Every structure is written in structure tokens, then in C-alpha cells.
Amino acid sequence: MKQAPKRSNEPVVWLLFGAGGTVSAIVFPILALILLFLYPLGLVDANNMIAFAQSIIGKLILLVVAIFPMWAGMHRLHHGMHDFKLHIPASGVIFYGLATLYSVLVFFAVINI
């Protein structure tokens, strides 16, 4: 008699990890260009950035930019601790729970902009 395969949360976590790494690699250089160079030089107006952040597409982009890299970071910390032989009981629950809590807090913060 074959037993049913054990269910795992790894596919979902790897999806969020991959999305976070991709978002970090593509979007963070653009944000650095805007916030470190264009805005201080006066080439981008603060009112335009605020208006963009208050639009629906701006809020979606803020959610993606804020949430997915956190999942990638927490996933790296979780597996990095195992690589260094630091085994904390329920570390997956701790790290992924913190990422979930952060995601919920960011969601409500961005919606209230």
C-alpha cells in the first residue's frame, strides 16, 4: 500500500523567494537611480512621486517592491542558518511568520497612502 506523498510549503516559498530575487534585481537599480540621483538633482518632482504612489498601479508596485524581497531575504536567512549548522526549533515558522506579518503590515500601510 502506497502512502500519499507528504505535502510541503516549499513550492510556495520558493515562488515567493524567486519573485523577491527577481524584483530586487530589476527594480532596485531603478529605484536607486530615481531616489539617489534624479530626485536630488531636481529632475523628478516629489509631488509626482506622491501622486504615483497614491494611484492603484503605484500601490501595486509598492506592494511588490516591498513584500517580495522580504520573502527572499527571510528564505535566505532560514536556509543560511541551516548551512551554518544553526538549527533553531521551528525556524521556518519564525522566519516565514515574520515575512507574513511584514507582508500584512505593508499591505495596510500601502493601502492607507
PDB file of N, CA and C in Angstrom:
ATOM      1  N   MET A   1       0.836  -1.174   0.000  1.00  0.00           N
ATOM      2  CA  MET A   1       0.000   0.000   0.000  1.00  0.00           C
ATOM      3  C   MET A   1       0.893   1.253   0.000  1.00  0.00           C
ATOM      4  N   LYS A   2       0.674   2.138  -0.970  1.00  0.00           N
ATOM      5  CA  LYS A   2       1.454   3.369  -1.035  1.00  0.00           C
ATOM      6  C   LYS A   2       0.789   4.450  -0.195  1.00  0.00           C
ATOM      7  N   GLN A   3       1.632   5.180   0.490  1.00  0.00           N
ATOM      8  CA  GLN A   3       1.120   6.314   1.259  1.00  0.00           C
ATOM      9  C   GLN A   3       1.119   7.553   0.356  1.00  0.00           C
ATOM     10  N   ALA A   4       0.228   8.463   0.670  1.00  0.00           N
ATOM     11  CA  ALA A   4       0.179   9.721  -0.083  1.00  0.00           C
ATOM     12  C   ALA A   4       1.458  10.506   0.191  1.00  0.00           C
ATOM     13  N   PRO A   5       2.012  11.183  -0.818  1.00  0.00           N
ATOM     14  CA  PRO A   5       3.229  11.958  -0.579  1.00  0.00           C
ATOM     15  C   PRO A   5       2.968  13.082   0.419  1.00  0.00           C
ATOM     16  N   LYS A   6       3.986  13.365   1.189  1.00  0.00           N
ATOM     17  CA  LYS A   6       3.877  14.409   2.205  1.00  0.00           C
ATOM     18  C   LYS A   6       3.781  15.781   1.526  1.00  0.00           C
ATOM     19  N   ARG A   7       2.842  16.581   1.961  1.00  0.00           N
ATOM     20  CA  ARG A   7       2.669  17.935   1.427  1.00  0.00           C
ATOM     21  C   ARG A   7       3.738  18.846   2.018  1.00  0.00           C
ATOM     22  N   SER A   8       4.165  19.811   1.220  1.00  0.00           N
ATOM     23  CA  SER A   8       5.202  20.734   1.647  1.00  0.00           C
ATOM     24  C   SER A   8       4.812  22.148   1.249  1.00  0.00           C
ATOM     25  N   ASN A   9       5.310  23.105   2.019  1.00  0.00           N
ATOM     26  CA  ASN A   9       5.087  24.511   1.681  1.00  0.00           C
ATOM     27  C   ASN A   9       6.227  25.054   0.822  1.00  0.00           C
ATOM     28  N   GLU A  10       7.213  24.233   0.520  1.00  0.00           N
ATOM     29  CA  GLU A  10       8.383  24.688  -0.222  1.00  0.00           C
ATOM     30  C   GLU A  10       8.067  25.270  -1.608  1.00  0.00           C
ATOM     31  N   PRO A  11       7.155  24.697  -2.408  1.00  0.00           N
ATOM     32  CA  PRO A  11       6.898  25.331  -3.709  1.00  0.00           C
ATOM     33  C   PRO A  11       6.400  26.769  -3.588  1.00  0.00           C
ATOM     34  N   VAL A  12       5.552  27.030  -2.634  1.00  0.00           N
ATOM     35  CA  VAL A  12       5.035  28.397  -2.451  1.00  0.00           C
ATOM     36  C   VAL A  12       6.149  29.322  -1.983  1.00  0.00           C
ATOM     37  N   VAL A  13       6.946  28.853  -1.033  1.00  0.00           N
ATOM     38  CA  VAL A  13       8.035  29.677  -0.509  1.00  0.00           C
ATOM     39  C   VAL A  13       9.079  29.934  -1.592  1.00  0.00           C
ATOM     40  N   TRP A  14       9.396  28.923  -2.395  1.00  0.00           N
ATOM     41  CA  TRP A  14      10.359  29.114  -3.478  1.00  0.00           C
ATOM     42  C   TRP A  14       9.814  30.083  -4.527  1.00  0.00           C
ATOM     43  N   LEU A  15       8.509  30.064  -4.771  1.00  0.00           N
ATOM     44  CA  LEU A  15       7.906  31.015  -5.694  1.00  0.00           C
ATOM     45  C   LEU A  15       8.082  32.444  -5.177  1.00  0.00           C
ATOM     46  N   LEU A  16       7.794  32.656  -3.890  1.00  0.00           N
ATOM     47  CA  LEU A  16       7.951  33.984  -3.299  1.00  0.00           C
ATOM     48  C   LEU A  16       9.423  34.393  -3.263  1.00  0.00           C
ATOM     49  N   PHE A  17      10.317  33.432  -2.980  1.00  0.00           N
ATOM     50  CA  PHE A  17      11.757  33.689  -2.963  1.00  0.00           C
ATOM     51  C   PHE A  17      12.241  34.111  -4.353  1.00  0.00           C
ATOM     52  N   GLY A  18      11.828  33.371  -5.368  1.00  0.00           N
ATOM     53  CA  GLY A  18      12.230  33.705  -6.733  1.00  0.00           C
ATOM     54  C   GLY A  18      11.693  35.050  -7.177  1.00  0.00           C
ATOM     55  N   ALA A  19      10.450  35.336  -6.822  1.00  0.00           N
ATOM     56  CA  ALA A  19       9.862  36.633  -7.171  1.00  0.00           C
ATOM     57  C   ALA A  19      10.612  37.762  -6.472  1.00  0.00           C
ATOM     58  N   GLY A  20      10.976  37.545  -5.211  1.00  0.00           N
ATOM     59  CA  GLY A  20      11.710  38.570  -4.470  1.00  0.00           C
ATOM     60  C   GLY A  20      13.075  38.839  -5.054  1.00  0.00           C
ATOM     61  N   GLY A  21      13.781  37.786  -5.441  1.00  0.00           N
ATOM     62  CA  GLY A  21      15.092  37.973  -6.057  1.00  0.00           C
ATOM     63  C   GLY A  21      14.998  38.680  -7.391  1.00  0.00           C
ATOM     64  N   THR A  22      14.002  38.347  -8.166  1.00  0.00           N
ATOM     65  CA  THR A  22      13.810  38.978  -9.469  1.00  0.00           C
ATOM     66  C   THR A  22      13.447  40.444  -9.319  1.00  0.00           C
ATOM     67  N   VAL A  23      12.530  40.730  -8.415  1.00  0.00           N
ATOM     68  CA  VAL A  23      12.133  42.122  -8.177  1.00  0.00           C
ATOM     69  C   VAL A  23      13.327  42.933  -7.686  1.00  0.00           C
ATOM     70  N   SER A  24      14.102  42.362  -6.776  1.00  0.00           N
ATOM     71  CA  SER A  24      15.280  43.067  -6.265  1.00  0.00           C
ATOM     72  C   SER A  24      16.264  43.382  -7.384  1.00  0.00           C
ATOM     73  N   ALA A  25      16.513  42.413  -8.243  1.00  0.00           N
ATOM     74  CA  ALA A  25      17.498  42.601  -9.307  1.00  0.00           C
ATOM     75  C   ALA A  25      17.037  43.603 -10.358  1.00  0.00           C
ATOM     76  N   ILE A  26      15.747  43.651 -10.636  1.00  0.00           N
ATOM     77  CA  ILE A  26      15.257  44.516 -11.710  1.00  0.00           C
ATOM     78  C   ILE A  26      14.880  45.906 -11.207  1.00  0.00           C
ATOM     79  N   VAL A  27      14.188  45.980 -10.083  1.00  0.00           N
ATOM     80  CA  VAL A  27      13.593  47.246  -9.653  1.00  0.00           C
ATOM     81  C   VAL A  27      14.524  48.090  -8.774  1.00  0.00           C
ATOM     82  N   PHE A  28      15.337  47.473  -7.931  1.00  0.00           N
ATOM     83  CA  PHE A  28      16.158  48.260  -7.012  1.00  0.00           C
ATOM     84  C   PHE A  28      17.154  49.183  -7.715  1.00  0.00           C
ATOM     85  N   PRO A  29      17.796  48.769  -8.820  1.00  0.00           N
ATOM     86  CA  PRO A  29      18.652  49.745  -9.508  1.00  0.00           C
ATOM     87  C   PRO A  29      17.878  50.951 -10.043  1.00  0.00           C
ATOM     88  N   ILE A  30      16.650  50.728 -10.489  1.00  0.00           N
ATOM     89  CA  ILE A  30      15.824  51.834 -10.967  1.00  0.00           C
ATOM     90  C   ILE A  30      15.464  52.759  -9.810  1.00  0.00           C
ATOM     91  N   LEU A  31      15.095  52.175  -8.676  1.00  0.00           N
ATOM     92  CA  LEU A  31      14.785  52.994  -7.503  1.00  0.00           C
ATOM     93  C   LEU A  31      16.004  53.777  -7.033  1.00  0.00           C
ATOM     94  N   ALA A  32      17.171  53.137  -7.064  1.00  0.00           N
ATOM     95  CA  ALA A  32      18.394  53.837  -6.676  1.00  0.00           C
ATOM     96  C   ALA A  32      18.660  55.011  -7.611  1.00  0.00           C
ATOM     97  N   LEU A  33      18.476  54.812  -8.911  1.00  0.00           N
ATOM     98  CA  LEU A  33      18.666  55.893  -9.867  1.00  0.00           C
ATOM     99  C   LEU A  33      17.725  57.055  -9.574  1.00  0.00           C
ATOM    100  N   ILE A  34      16.459  56.735  -9.330  1.00  0.00           N
ATOM    101  CA  ILE A  34      15.475  57.794  -9.082  1.00  0.00           C
ATOM    102  C   ILE A  34      15.731  58.502  -7.766  1.00  0.00           C
ATOM    103  N   LEU A  35      15.900  57.723  -6.685  1.00  0.00           N
ATOM    104  CA  LEU A  35      15.999  58.326  -5.356  1.00  0.00           C
ATOM    105  C   LEU A  35      17.370  58.903  -5.026  1.00  0.00           C
ATOM    106  N   LEU A  36      18.429  58.366  -5.622  1.00  0.00           N
ATOM    107  CA  LEU A  36      19.772  58.843  -5.294  1.00  0.00           C
ATOM    108  C   LEU A  36      20.306  59.887  -6.264  1.00  0.00           C
ATOM    109  N   PHE A  37      19.786  59.914  -7.491  1.00  0.00           N
ATOM    110  CA  PHE A  37      20.330  60.836  -8.470  1.00  0.00           C
ATOM    111  C   PHE A  37      19.285  61.796  -9.046  1.00  0.00           C
ATOM    112  N   LEU A  38      18.204  61.253  -9.580  1.00  0.00           N
ATOM    113  CA  LEU A  38      17.237  62.111 -10.276  1.00  0.00           C
ATOM    114  C   LEU A  38      16.495  63.047  -9.328  1.00  0.00           C
ATOM    115  N   TYR A  39      16.054  62.532  -8.183  1.00  0.00           N
ATOM    116  CA  TYR A  39      15.330  63.384  -7.232  1.00  0.00           C
ATOM    117  C   TYR A  39      16.225  64.472  -6.639  1.00  0.00           C
ATOM    118  N   PRO A  40      17.427  64.149  -6.145  1.00  0.00           N
ATOM    119  CA  PRO A  40      18.260  65.231  -5.603  1.00  0.00           C
ATOM    120  C   PRO A  40      18.665  66.284  -6.642  1.00  0.00           C
ATOM    121  N   LEU A  41      18.775  65.880  -7.890  1.00  0.00           N
ATOM    122  CA  LEU A  41      19.133  66.842  -8.930  1.00  0.00           C
ATOM    123  C   LEU A  41      17.931  67.656  -9.402  1.00  0.00           C
ATOM    124  N   GLY A  42      16.746  67.344  -8.901  1.00  0.00           N
ATOM    125  CA  GLY A  42      15.548  68.088  -9.253  1.00  0.00           C
ATOM    126  C   GLY A  42      14.925  67.657 -10.572  1.00  0.00           C
ATOM    127  N   LEU A  43      15.341  66.515 -11.092  1.00  0.00           N
ATOM    128  CA  LEU A  43      14.792  66.037 -12.357  1.00  0.00           C
ATOM    129  C   LEU A  43      13.467  65.303 -12.178  1.00  0.00           C
ATOM    130  N   VAL A  44      13.162  64.899 -10.950  1.00  0.00           N
ATOM    131  CA  VAL A  44      11.889  64.244 -10.634  1.00  0.00           C
ATOM    132  C   VAL A  44      11.245  65.036  -9.505  1.00  0.00           C
ATOM    133  N   ASP A  45       9.991  65.387  -9.676  1.00  0.00           N
ATOM    134  CA  ASP A  45       9.269  66.179  -8.679  1.00  0.00           C
ATOM    135  C   ASP A  45       8.683  65.275  -7.598  1.00  0.00           C
ATOM    136  N   ALA A  46       8.773  65.695  -6.348  1.00  0.00           N
ATOM    137  CA  ALA A  46       8.239  64.913  -5.227  1.00  0.00           C
ATOM    138  C   ALA A  46       6.727  64.763  -5.339  1.00  0.00           C
ATOM    139  N   ASN A  47       6.045  65.789  -5.823  1.00  0.00           N
ATOM    140  CA  ASN A  47       4.585  65.700  -5.963  1.00  0.00           C
ATOM    141  C   ASN A  47       4.189  64.624  -6.969  1.00  0.00           C
ATOM    142  N   ASN A  48       4.996  64.452  -8.016  1.00  0.00           N
ATOM    143  CA  ASN A  48       4.716  63.401  -8.988  1.00  0.00           C
ATOM    144  C   ASN A  48       4.914  62.017  -8.373  1.00  0.00           C
ATOM    145  N   MET A  49       5.949  61.870  -7.550  1.00  0.00           N
ATOM    146  CA  MET A  49       6.184  60.582  -6.893  1.00  0.00           C
ATOM    147  C   MET A  49       5.053  60.257  -5.924  1.00  0.00           C
ATOM    148  N   ILE A  50       4.568  61.243  -5.191  1.00  0.00           N
ATOM    149  CA  ILE A  50       3.463  61.029  -4.255  1.00  0.00           C
ATOM    150  C   ILE A  50       2.182  60.689  -5.009  1.00  0.00           C
ATOM    151  N   ALA A  51       1.926  61.402  -6.089  1.00  0.00           N
ATOM    152  CA  ALA A  51       0.727  61.114  -6.892  1.00  0.00           C
ATOM    153  C   ALA A  51       0.795  59.708  -7.477  1.00  0.00           C
ATOM    154  N   PHE A  52       1.971  59.291  -7.914  1.00  0.00           N
ATOM    155  CA  PHE A  52       2.128  57.927  -8.437  1.00  0.00           C
ATOM    156  C   PHE A  52       1.890  56.901  -7.338  1.00  0.00           C
ATOM    157  N   ALA A  53       2.416  57.148  -6.142  1.00  0.00           N
ATOM    158  CA  ALA A  53       2.242  56.205  -5.027  1.00  0.00           C
ATOM    159  C   ALA A  53       0.780  56.108  -4.597  1.00  0.00           C
ATOM    160  N   GLN A  54       0.004  57.131  -4.840  1.00  0.00           N
ATOM    161  CA  GLN A  54      -1.400  57.108  -4.450  1.00  0.00           C
ATOM    162  C   GLN A  54      -2.305  56.496  -5.516  1.00  0.00           C
ATOM    163  N   SER A  55      -1.772  56.240  -6.701  1.00  0.00           N
ATOM    164  CA  SER A  55      -2.581  55.613  -7.748  1.00  0.00           C
ATOM    165  C   SER A  55      -2.628  54.094  -7.515  1.00  0.00           C
ATOM    166  N   ILE A  56      -3.571  53.436  -8.165  1.00  0.00           N
ATOM    167  CA  ILE A  56      -3.721  51.982  -7.998  1.00  0.00           C
ATOM    168  C   ILE A  56      -2.472  51.248  -8.466  1.00  0.00           C
ATOM    169  N   ILE A  57      -1.963  51.592  -9.642  1.00  0.00           N
ATOM    170  CA  ILE A  57      -0.775  50.907 -10.159  1.00  0.00           C
ATOM    171  C   ILE A  57       0.438  51.207  -9.280  1.00  0.00           C
ATOM    172  N   GLY A  58       0.519  52.408  -8.758  1.00  0.00           N
ATOM    173  CA  GLY A  58       1.617  52.756  -7.858  1.00  0.00           C
ATOM    174  C   GLY A  58       1.575  51.945  -6.572  1.00  0.00           C
ATOM    175  N   LYS A  59       0.370  51.768  -6.045  1.00  0.00           N
ATOM    176  CA  LYS A  59       0.229  50.960  -4.830  1.00  0.00           C
ATOM    177  C   LYS A  59       0.599  49.503  -5.093  1.00  0.00           C
ATOM    178  N   LEU A  60       0.203  48.974  -6.234  1.00  0.00           N
ATOM    179  CA  LEU A  60       0.573  47.595  -6.572  1.00  0.00           C
ATOM    180  C   LEU A  60       2.089  47.448  -6.705  1.00  0.00           C
ATOM    181  N   ILE A  61       2.720  48.414  -7.336  1.00  0.00           N
ATOM    182  CA  ILE A  61       4.176  48.364  -7.481  1.00  0.00           C
ATOM    183  C   ILE A  61       4.854  48.475  -6.124  1.00  0.00           C
ATOM    184  N   LEU A  62       4.354  49.351  -5.267  1.00  0.00           N
ATOM    185  CA  LEU A  62       4.919  49.464  -3.916  1.00  0.00           C
ATOM    186  C   LEU A  62       4.773  48.159  -3.141  1.00  0.00           C
ATOM    187  N   LEU A  63       3.631  47.509  -3.275  1.00  0.00           N
ATOM    188  CA  LEU A  63       3.436  46.221  -2.605  1.00  0.00           C
ATOM    189  C   LEU A  63       4.432  45.185  -3.099  1.00  0.00           C
ATOM    190  N   VAL A  64       4.595  45.097  -4.404  1.00  0.00           N
ATOM    191  CA  VAL A  64       5.523  44.121  -4.974  1.00  0.00           C
ATOM    192  C   VAL A  64       6.954  44.408  -4.544  1.00  0.00           C
ATOM    193  N   VAL A  65       7.346  45.681  -4.601  1.00  0.00           N
ATOM    194  CA  VAL A  65       8.719  46.074  -4.265  1.00  0.00           C
ATOM    195  C   VAL A  65       9.013  45.884  -2.777  1.00  0.00           C
ATOM    196  N   ALA A  66       8.014  46.019  -1.943  1.00  0.00           N
ATOM    197  CA  ALA A  66       8.239  45.900  -0.501  1.00  0.00           C
ATOM    198  C   ALA A  66       8.092  44.473   0.012  1.00  0.00           C
ATOM    199  N   ILE A  67       7.168  43.701  -0.529  1.00  0.00           N
ATOM    200  CA  ILE A  67       6.856  42.390   0.051  1.00  0.00           C
ATOM    201  C   ILE A  67       7.759  41.283  -0.476  1.00  0.00           C
ATOM    202  N   PHE A  68       7.908  41.158  -1.783  1.00  0.00           N
ATOM    203  CA  PHE A  68       8.636  40.016  -2.330  1.00  0.00           C
ATOM    204  C   PHE A  68      10.104  39.947  -1.906  1.00  0.00           C
ATOM    205  N   PRO A  69      10.848  41.069  -1.888  1.00  0.00           N
ATOM    206  CA  PRO A  69      12.233  40.964  -1.419  1.00  0.00           C
ATOM    207  C   PRO A  69      12.345  40.533   0.050  1.00  0.00           C
ATOM    208  N   MET A  70      11.356  40.858   0.861  1.00  0.00           N
ATOM    209  CA  MET A  70      11.379  40.398   2.256  1.00  0.00           C
ATOM    210  C   MET A  70      11.268  38.880   2.311  1.00  0.00           C
ATOM    211  N   TRP A  71      10.404  38.305   1.491  1.00  0.00           N
ATOM    212  CA  TRP A  71      10.290  36.844   1.443  1.00  0.00           C
ATOM    213  C   TRP A  71      11.598  36.218   0.985  1.00  0.00           C
ATOM    214  N   ALA A  72      12.248  36.832   0.006  1.00  0.00           N
ATOM    215  CA  ALA A  72      13.531  36.314  -0.462  1.00  0.00           C
ATOM    216  C   ALA A  72      14.570  36.372   0.653  1.00  0.00           C
ATOM    217  N   GLY A  73      14.602  37.479   1.377  1.00  0.00           N
ATOM    218  CA  GLY A  73      15.554  37.612   2.471  1.00  0.00           C
ATOM    219  C   GLY A  73      15.300  36.631   3.599  1.00  0.00           C
ATOM    220  N   MET A  74      14.060  36.460   3.977  1.00  0.00           N
ATOM    221  CA  MET A  74      13.740  35.509   5.052  1.00  0.00           C
ATOM    222  C   MET A  74      14.043  34.072   4.642  1.00  0.00           C
ATOM    223  N   HIS A  75      13.802  33.760   3.376  1.00  0.00           N
ATOM    224  CA  HIS A  75      14.112  32.417   2.883  1.00  0.00           C
ATOM    225  C   HIS A  75      15.628  32.191   2.909  1.00  0.00           C
ATOM    226  N   ARG A  76      16.397  33.211   2.519  1.00  0.00           N
ATOM    227  CA  ARG A  76      17.857  33.092   2.569  1.00  0.00           C
ATOM    228  C   ARG A  76      18.353  32.948   4.003  1.00  0.00           C
ATOM    229  N   LEU A  77      17.771  33.692   4.922  1.00  0.00           N
ATOM    230  CA  LEU A  77      18.163  33.557   6.336  1.00  0.00           C
ATOM    231  C   LEU A  77      17.841  32.167   6.868  1.00  0.00           C
ATOM    232  N   HIS A  78      16.657  31.683   6.542  1.00  0.00           N
ATOM    233  CA  HIS A  78      16.232  30.367   7.012  1.00  0.00           C
ATOM    234  C   HIS A  78      17.195  29.282   6.524  1.00  0.00           C
ATOM    235  N   HIS A  79      17.514  29.285   5.247  1.00  0.00           N
ATOM    236  CA  HIS A  79      18.405  28.265   4.716  1.00  0.00           C
ATOM    237  C   HIS A  79      19.870  28.553   5.065  1.00  0.00           C
ATOM    238  N   GLY A  80      20.234  29.807   5.211  1.00  0.00           N
ATOM    239  CA  GLY A  80      21.590  30.153   5.620  1.00  0.00           C
ATOM    240  C   GLY A  80      21.913  29.671   7.018  1.00  0.00           C
ATOM    241  N   MET A  81      20.935  29.722   7.897  1.00  0.00           N
ATOM    242  CA  MET A  81      21.163  29.226   9.258  1.00  0.00           C
ATOM    243  C   MET A  81      21.407  27.726   9.251  1.00  0.00           C
ATOM    244  N   HIS A  82      20.714  27.018   8.373  1.00  0.00           N
ATOM    245  CA  HIS A  82      20.965  25.577   8.251  1.00  0.00           C
ATOM    246  C   HIS A  82      22.359  25.316   7.680  1.00  0.00           C
ATOM    247  N   ASP A  83      22.793  26.151   6.752  1.00  0.00           N
ATOM    248  CA  ASP A  83      24.129  25.996   6.175  1.00  0.00           C
ATOM    249  C   ASP A  83      25.220  26.186   7.230  1.00  0.00           C
ATOM    250  N   PHE A  84      24.989  27.088   8.186  1.00  0.00           N
ATOM    251  CA  PHE A  84      25.937  27.330   9.261  1.00  0.00           C
ATOM    252  C   PHE A  84      25.711  26.414  10.467  1.00  0.00           C
ATOM    253  N   LYS A  85      24.850  25.430  10.282  1.00  0.00           N
ATOM    254  CA  LYS A  85      24.546  24.438  11.329  1.00  0.00           C
ATOM    255  C   LYS A  85      23.928  25.078  12.572  1.00  0.00           C
ATOM    256  N   LEU A  86      23.175  26.153  12.379  1.00  0.00           N
ATOM    257  CA  LEU A  86      22.442  26.789  13.469  1.00  0.00           C
ATOM    258  C   LEU A  86      20.980  26.375  13.321  1.00  0.00           C
ATOM    259  N   HIS A  87      20.594  25.362  14.048  1.00  0.00           N
ATOM    260  CA  HIS A  87      19.242  24.824  13.925  1.00  0.00           C
ATOM    261  C   HIS A  87      18.382  25.331  15.068  1.00  0.00           C
ATOM    262  N   ILE A  88      17.456  26.195  14.734  1.00  0.00           N
ATOM    263  CA  ILE A  88      16.512  26.739  15.698  1.00  0.00           C
ATOM    264  C   ILE A  88      15.214  25.971  15.535  1.00  0.00           C
ATOM    265  N   PRO A  89      14.646  25.483  16.635  1.00  0.00           N
ATOM    266  CA  PRO A  89      13.361  24.789  16.503  1.00  0.00           C
ATOM    267  C   PRO A  89      12.308  25.730  15.902  1.00  0.00           C
ATOM    268  N   ALA A  90      11.585  25.219  14.950  1.00  0.00           N
ATOM    269  CA  ALA A  90      10.509  25.966  14.272  1.00  0.00           C
ATOM    270  C   ALA A  90      11.036  27.213  13.573  1.00  0.00           C
ATOM    271  N   SER A  91      12.243  27.141  13.020  1.00  0.00           N
ATOM    272  CA  SER A  91      12.805  28.324  12.354  1.00  0.00           C
ATOM    273  C   SER A  91      11.988  28.703  11.118  1.00  0.00           C
ATOM    274  N   GLY A  92      11.433  27.719  10.427  1.00  0.00           N
ATOM    275  CA  GLY A  92      10.585  28.032   9.278  1.00  0.00           C
ATOM    276  C   GLY A  92       9.367  28.828   9.685  1.00  0.00           C
ATOM    277  N   VAL A  93       8.769  28.430  10.796  1.00  0.00           N
ATOM    278  CA  VAL A  93       7.594  29.153  11.292  1.00  0.00           C
ATOM    279  C   VAL A  93       7.984  30.568  11.696  1.00  0.00           C
ATOM    280  N   ILE A  94       9.153  30.709  12.310  1.00  0.00           N
ATOM    281  CA  ILE A  94       9.601  32.027  12.767  1.00  0.00           C
ATOM    282  C   ILE A  94       9.872  32.944  11.572  1.00  0.00           C
ATOM    283  N   PHE A  95      10.726  32.489  10.650  1.00  0.00           N
ATOM    284  CA  PHE A  95      11.116  33.350   9.534  1.00  0.00           C
ATOM    285  C   PHE A  95       9.952  33.621   8.586  1.00  0.00           C
ATOM    286  N   TYR A  96       9.234  32.588   8.206  1.00  0.00           N
ATOM    287  CA  TYR A  96       8.122  32.785   7.288  1.00  0.00           C
ATOM    288  C   TYR A  96       6.959  33.483   7.978  1.00  0.00           C
ATOM    289  N   GLY A  97       6.831  33.306   9.284  1.00  0.00           N
ATOM    290  CA  GLY A  97       5.828  34.044  10.047  1.00  0.00           C
ATOM    291  C   GLY A  97       6.144  35.528  10.090  1.00  0.00           C
ATOM    292  N   LEU A  98       7.436  35.859  10.265  1.00  0.00           N
ATOM    293  CA  LEU A  98       7.835  37.268  10.237  1.00  0.00           C
ATOM    294  C   LEU A  98       7.593  37.880   8.858  1.00  0.00           C
ATOM    295  N   ALA A  99       7.880  37.121   7.811  1.00  0.00           N
ATOM    296  CA  ALA A  99       7.632  37.622   6.459  1.00  0.00           C
ATOM    297  C   ALA A  99       6.133  37.833   6.231  1.00  0.00           C
ATOM    298  N   THR A 100       5.321  36.937   6.744  1.00  0.00           N
ATOM    299  CA  THR A 100       3.867  37.089   6.610  1.00  0.00           C
ATOM    300  C   THR A 100       3.380  38.307   7.382  1.00  0.00           C
ATOM    301  N   LEU A 101       3.852  38.473   8.610  1.00  0.00           N
ATOM    302  CA  LEU A 101       3.472  39.639   9.421  1.00  0.00           C
ATOM    303  C   LEU A 101       3.886  40.928   8.720  1.00  0.00           C
ATOM    304  N   TYR A 102       5.109  40.963   8.209  1.00  0.00           N
ATOM    305  CA  TYR A 102       5.595  42.128   7.474  1.00  0.00           C
ATOM    306  C   TYR A 102       4.713  42.405   6.260  1.00  0.00           C
ATOM    307  N   SER A 103       4.348  41.347   5.538  1.00  0.00           N
ATOM    308  CA  SER A 103       3.514  41.498   4.345  1.00  0.00           C
ATOM    309  C   SER A 103       2.166  42.118   4.690  1.00  0.00           C
ATOM    310  N   VAL A 104       1.557  41.659   5.777  1.00  0.00           N
ATOM    311  CA  VAL A 104       0.264  42.202   6.195  1.00  0.00           C
ATOM    312  C   VAL A 104       0.399  43.666   6.602  1.00  0.00           C
ATOM    313  N   LEU A 105       1.440  43.980   7.351  1.00  0.00           N
ATOM    314  CA  LEU A 105       1.654  45.372   7.787  1.00  0.00           C
ATOM    315  C   LEU A 105       1.901  46.281   6.586  1.00  0.00           C
ATOM    316  N   VAL A 106       2.714  45.839   5.641  1.00  0.00           N
ATOM    317  CA  VAL A 106       2.984  46.636   4.452  1.00  0.00           C
ATOM    318  C   VAL A 106       1.707  46.805   3.628  1.00  0.00           C
ATOM    319  N   PHE A 107       0.915  45.763   3.522  1.00  0.00           N
ATOM    320  CA  PHE A 107      -0.339  45.855   2.768  1.00  0.00           C
ATOM    321  C   PHE A 107      -1.221  46.962   3.328  1.00  0.00           C
ATOM    322  N   PHE A 108      -1.414  46.977   4.646  1.00  0.00           N
ATOM    323  CA  PHE A 108      -2.274  48.006   5.234  1.00  0.00           C
ATOM    324  C   PHE A 108      -1.646  49.393   5.155  1.00  0.00           C
ATOM    325  N   ALA A 109      -0.328  49.474   5.267  1.00  0.00           N
ATOM    326  CA  ALA A 109       0.348  50.770   5.160  1.00  0.00           C
ATOM    327  C   ALA A 109       0.206  51.337   3.746  1.00  0.00           C
ATOM    328  N   VAL A 110       0.378  50.497   2.738  1.00  0.00           N
ATOM    329  CA  VAL A 110       0.300  50.980   1.352  1.00  0.00           C
ATOM    330  C   VAL A 110      -1.144  51.315   0.977  1.00  0.00           C
ATOM    331  N   ILE A 111      -2.085  50.540   1.441  1.00  0.00           N
ATOM    332  CA  ILE A 111      -3.488  50.826   1.129  1.00  0.00           C
ATOM    333  C   ILE A 111      -3.914  52.181   1.729  1.00  0.00           C
ATOM    334  N   ASN A 112      -3.337  52.550   2.867  1.00  0.00           N
ATOM    335  CA  ASN A 112      -3.708  53.802   3.526  1.00  0.00           C
ATOM    336  C   ASN A 112      -2.948  55.012   3.006  1.00  0.00           C
ATOM    337  N   ILE A 113      -2.149  54.862   1.965  1.00  0.00           N
ATOM    338  CA  ILE A 113      -1.416  56.016   1.415  1.00  0.00           C
ATOM    339  C   ILE A 113      -2.416  56.933   0.740  1.00  0.00           C
TER     340      ILE A 113
END
